Amino acid sequence: MMGGTSAVNSVSLRFLTLDEIQEFAWLVRNYKGDTDLIQGRRTVDAKSILGIYSLNIQEQMELLVHNGDFEQLRIQIGKFIR
């Protein structure tokens, strides 16, 4: 497969409540790009609330944004970037 490489953007996130996770999942589900959450060796689709709940929600995780308008998403999820 040929083609250019695309930059992957990332930010560190931490959630303080279950309500924050639900709000984050709603925001990311409406985002048009591809996103993943990584914690340790686990990677889940950031648009899947069940995937998010499978992680240790009390610990930091990294959001990878593979495409789309990263800066717009970053503004929307700003309160979770900790």
N, C-alpha and C. Protein backbone atom coordinates (compact mmCIF):
# COMPACT_ATOMS: atom_id res chain seq x y z
N MET A 1 0.84 -1.16 0.00
CA MET A 1 0.00 0.00 0.00
C MET A 1 0.89 1.24 0.00
N MET A 2 0.61 2.18 -0.87
CA MET A 2 1.42 3.37 -0.97
C MET A 2 0.63 4.57 -0.49
N GLY A 3 1.34 5.61 -0.15
CA GLY A 3 0.67 6.84 0.27
C GLY A 3 1.49 7.51 1.35
N GLY A 4 1.12 8.73 1.67
CA GLY A 4 1.82 9.49 2.69
C GLY A 4 1.43 9.05 4.08
N THR A 5 2.25 9.44 5.01
CA THR A 5 1.92 9.14 6.39
C THR A 5 1.11 10.29 6.96
N SER A 6 0.21 9.98 7.83
CA SER A 6 -0.59 11.03 8.46
C SER A 6 -0.17 11.14 9.92
N ALA A 7 -0.19 12.35 10.41
CA ALA A 7 0.20 12.59 11.80
C ALA A 7 -0.92 12.15 12.73
N VAL A 8 -0.54 11.54 13.81
CA VAL A 8 -1.49 11.17 14.85
C VAL A 8 -1.28 12.14 16.00
N ASN A 9 -2.35 12.79 16.41
CA ASN A 9 -2.29 13.72 17.54
C ASN A 9 -2.72 12.98 18.80
N SER A 10 -2.19 13.42 19.94
CA SER A 10 -2.58 12.76 21.19
C SER A 10 -2.62 13.76 22.34
N VAL A 11 -3.45 13.43 23.33
CA VAL A 11 -3.53 14.20 24.57
C VAL A 11 -3.77 13.22 25.71
N SER A 12 -3.32 13.59 26.90
CA SER A 12 -3.55 12.78 28.10
C SER A 12 -4.85 13.21 28.75
N LEU A 13 -5.64 12.22 29.16
CA LEU A 13 -6.94 12.49 29.76
C LEU A 13 -7.06 11.82 31.11
N ARG A 14 -7.90 12.39 31.94
CA ARG A 14 -8.27 11.76 33.20
C ARG A 14 -9.71 12.16 33.51
N PHE A 15 -10.48 11.19 33.95
CA PHE A 15 -11.89 11.43 34.27
C PHE A 15 -12.07 11.35 35.78
N LEU A 16 -12.89 12.25 36.32
CA LEU A 16 -13.13 12.28 37.76
C LEU A 16 -14.44 11.63 38.15
N THR A 17 -15.39 11.56 37.21
CA THR A 17 -16.70 10.99 37.51
C THR A 17 -17.20 10.17 36.32
N LEU A 18 -18.20 9.34 36.57
CA LEU A 18 -18.83 8.59 35.48
C LEU A 18 -19.56 9.53 34.53
N ASP A 19 -20.11 10.61 35.06
CA ASP A 19 -20.77 11.61 34.20
C ASP A 19 -19.79 12.21 33.20
N GLU A 20 -18.55 12.43 33.63
CA GLU A 20 -17.54 12.95 32.71
C GLU A 20 -17.26 11.97 31.58
N ILE A 21 -17.23 10.69 31.90
CA ILE A 21 -17.00 9.69 30.86
C ILE A 21 -18.13 9.70 29.86
N GLN A 22 -19.35 9.79 30.34
CA GLN A 22 -20.50 9.83 29.43
C GLN A 22 -20.47 11.07 28.56
N GLU A 23 -20.12 12.21 29.13
CA GLU A 23 -20.02 13.44 28.35
C GLU A 23 -18.92 13.34 27.30
N PHE A 24 -17.76 12.80 27.70
CA PHE A 24 -16.65 12.61 26.77
C PHE A 24 -17.07 11.69 25.62
N ALA A 25 -17.70 10.57 25.94
CA ALA A 25 -18.11 9.61 24.91
C ALA A 25 -19.09 10.25 23.94
N TRP A 26 -19.99 11.07 24.44
CA TRP A 26 -20.95 11.76 23.57
C TRP A 26 -20.23 12.71 22.62
N LEU A 27 -19.27 13.48 23.15
CA LEU A 27 -18.52 14.42 22.31
C LEU A 27 -17.71 13.69 21.24
N VAL A 28 -17.05 12.61 21.63
CA VAL A 28 -16.20 11.88 20.68
C VAL A 28 -17.04 11.14 19.65
N ARG A 29 -18.19 10.62 20.04
CA ARG A 29 -19.07 9.94 19.07
C ARG A 29 -19.50 10.88 17.95
N ASN A 30 -19.64 12.16 18.26
CA ASN A 30 -20.04 13.14 17.26
C ASN A 30 -18.87 13.68 16.44
N TYR A 31 -17.66 13.28 16.77
CA TYR A 31 -16.46 13.70 16.05
C TYR A 31 -16.32 12.85 14.79
N LYS A 32 -15.97 13.47 13.69
CA LYS A 32 -15.94 12.76 12.41
C LYS A 32 -14.67 11.94 12.18
N GLY A 33 -13.63 12.13 12.97
CA GLY A 33 -12.38 11.40 12.79
C GLY A 33 -12.34 10.11 13.58
N ASP A 34 -11.23 9.38 13.41
CA ASP A 34 -11.01 8.12 14.12
C ASP A 34 -10.23 8.39 15.41
N THR A 35 -10.67 7.79 16.50
CA THR A 35 -10.06 8.02 17.80
C THR A 35 -9.90 6.72 18.57
N ASP A 36 -8.84 6.63 19.35
CA ASP A 36 -8.60 5.49 20.23
C ASP A 36 -8.19 6.01 21.60
N LEU A 37 -8.47 5.23 22.63
CA LEU A 37 -7.96 5.49 23.97
C LEU A 37 -6.96 4.40 24.31
N ILE A 38 -5.83 4.79 24.85
CA ILE A 38 -4.78 3.84 25.23
C ILE A 38 -4.49 4.00 26.71
N GLN A 39 -4.40 2.86 27.37
CA GLN A 39 -3.99 2.84 28.78
C GLN A 39 -3.13 1.60 28.95
N GLY A 40 -1.85 1.84 29.19
CA GLY A 40 -0.94 0.70 29.28
C GLY A 40 -0.87 -0.03 27.95
N ARG A 41 -1.17 -1.32 27.97
CA ARG A 41 -1.13 -2.13 26.76
C ARG A 41 -2.49 -2.26 26.09
N ARG A 42 -3.51 -1.64 26.67
CA ARG A 42 -4.88 -1.76 26.14
C ARG A 42 -5.21 -0.58 25.24
N THR A 43 -5.86 -0.87 24.14
CA THR A 43 -6.35 0.16 23.22
C THR A 43 -7.81 -0.12 22.94
N VAL A 44 -8.65 0.91 23.06
CA VAL A 44 -10.08 0.76 22.78
C VAL A 44 -10.53 1.91 21.88
N ASP A 45 -11.62 1.69 21.19
CA ASP A 45 -12.24 2.74 20.38
C ASP A 45 -12.79 3.80 21.33
N ALA A 46 -12.35 5.04 21.18
CA ALA A 46 -12.77 6.11 22.09
C ALA A 46 -14.26 6.44 21.94
N LYS A 47 -14.89 5.96 20.88
CA LYS A 47 -16.32 6.22 20.68
C LYS A 47 -17.19 5.18 21.36
N SER A 48 -16.57 4.17 21.95
CA SER A 48 -17.29 3.07 22.60
C SER A 48 -17.30 3.27 24.12
N ILE A 49 -18.46 3.57 24.66
CA ILE A 49 -18.54 3.77 26.11
C ILE A 49 -18.21 2.47 26.85
N LEU A 50 -18.58 1.34 26.29
CA LEU A 50 -18.22 0.06 26.93
C LEU A 50 -16.71 -0.15 26.89
N GLY A 51 -16.09 0.25 25.79
CA GLY A 51 -14.63 0.17 25.70
C GLY A 51 -13.97 1.03 26.76
N ILE A 52 -14.48 2.25 26.93
CA ILE A 52 -13.92 3.15 27.94
C ILE A 52 -14.08 2.55 29.33
N TYR A 53 -15.25 1.99 29.61
CA TYR A 53 -15.49 1.40 30.93
C TYR A 53 -14.61 0.17 31.18
N SER A 54 -14.07 -0.44 30.12
CA SER A 54 -13.20 -1.59 30.31
C SER A 54 -11.81 -1.17 30.79
N LEU A 55 -11.51 0.13 30.71
CA LEU A 55 -10.23 0.65 31.20
C LEU A 55 -10.37 1.02 32.67
N ASN A 56 -9.25 1.25 33.32
CA ASN A 56 -9.26 1.73 34.70
C ASN A 56 -9.54 3.23 34.65
N ILE A 57 -10.78 3.61 34.89
CA ILE A 57 -11.19 5.00 34.69
C ILE A 57 -10.61 5.95 35.73
N GLN A 58 -9.97 5.42 36.75
CA GLN A 58 -9.35 6.28 37.77
C GLN A 58 -7.92 6.65 37.41
N GLU A 59 -7.40 6.07 36.33
CA GLU A 59 -6.02 6.34 35.94
C GLU A 59 -5.98 7.08 34.61
N GLN A 60 -4.87 7.74 34.38
CA GLN A 60 -4.67 8.52 33.16
C GLN A 60 -4.72 7.61 31.94
N MET A 61 -5.22 8.17 30.84
CA MET A 61 -5.23 7.47 29.56
C MET A 61 -4.86 8.46 28.47
N GLU A 62 -4.49 7.94 27.32
CA GLU A 62 -4.08 8.79 26.21
C GLU A 62 -5.09 8.66 25.07
N LEU A 63 -5.54 9.79 24.56
CA LEU A 63 -6.43 9.81 23.41
C LEU A 63 -5.60 10.01 22.16
N LEU A 64 -5.72 9.09 21.21
CA LEU A 64 -5.08 9.23 19.91
C LEU A 64 -6.14 9.66 18.90
N VAL A 65 -5.84 10.69 18.14
CA VAL A 65 -6.75 11.20 17.12
C VAL A 65 -6.04 11.01 15.78
N HIS A 66 -6.58 10.11 14.96
CA HIS A 66 -5.91 9.71 13.73
C HIS A 66 -6.19 10.64 12.56
N ASN A 67 -7.33 11.30 12.56
CA ASN A 67 -7.67 12.20 11.46
C ASN A 67 -8.80 13.12 11.91
N GLY A 68 -9.16 14.05 11.07
CA GLY A 68 -10.21 15.00 11.41
C GLY A 68 -9.63 16.28 12.00
N ASP A 69 -10.49 17.12 12.51
CA ASP A 69 -10.11 18.42 13.06
C ASP A 69 -9.72 18.28 14.53
N PHE A 70 -8.46 17.96 14.76
CA PHE A 70 -7.97 17.71 16.11
C PHE A 70 -8.15 18.92 17.03
N GLU A 71 -7.86 20.11 16.53
CA GLU A 71 -7.95 21.30 17.38
C GLU A 71 -9.37 21.55 17.85
N GLN A 72 -10.34 21.33 16.98
CA GLN A 72 -11.74 21.50 17.38
C GLN A 72 -12.10 20.50 18.49
N LEU A 73 -11.70 19.24 18.31
CA LEU A 73 -11.98 18.23 19.33
C LEU A 73 -11.27 18.58 20.64
N ARG A 74 -10.05 19.03 20.53
CA ARG A 74 -9.26 19.39 21.73
C ARG A 74 -9.98 20.46 22.55
N ILE A 75 -10.56 21.43 21.88
CA ILE A 75 -11.32 22.48 22.58
C ILE A 75 -12.54 21.88 23.27
N GLN A 76 -13.25 20.99 22.57
CA GLN A 76 -14.47 20.41 23.12
C GLN A 76 -14.21 19.53 24.34
N ILE A 77 -13.08 18.84 24.35
CA ILE A 77 -12.78 17.92 25.46
C ILE A 77 -11.78 18.51 26.44
N GLY A 78 -11.55 19.81 26.35
CA GLY A 78 -10.52 20.47 27.15
C GLY A 78 -10.58 20.20 28.64
N LYS A 79 -11.77 20.09 29.20
CA LYS A 79 -11.85 19.90 30.65
C LYS A 79 -11.39 18.52 31.11
N PHE A 80 -11.23 17.58 30.17
CA PHE A 80 -10.76 16.24 30.52
C PHE A 80 -9.25 16.09 30.34
N ILE A 81 -8.62 17.09 29.73
CA ILE A 81 -7.18 17.04 29.50
C ILE A 81 -6.50 17.46 30.80
N ARG A 82 -5.91 16.47 31.45
CA ARG A 82 -5.30 16.71 32.77
C ARG A 82 -3.96 16.03 32.85
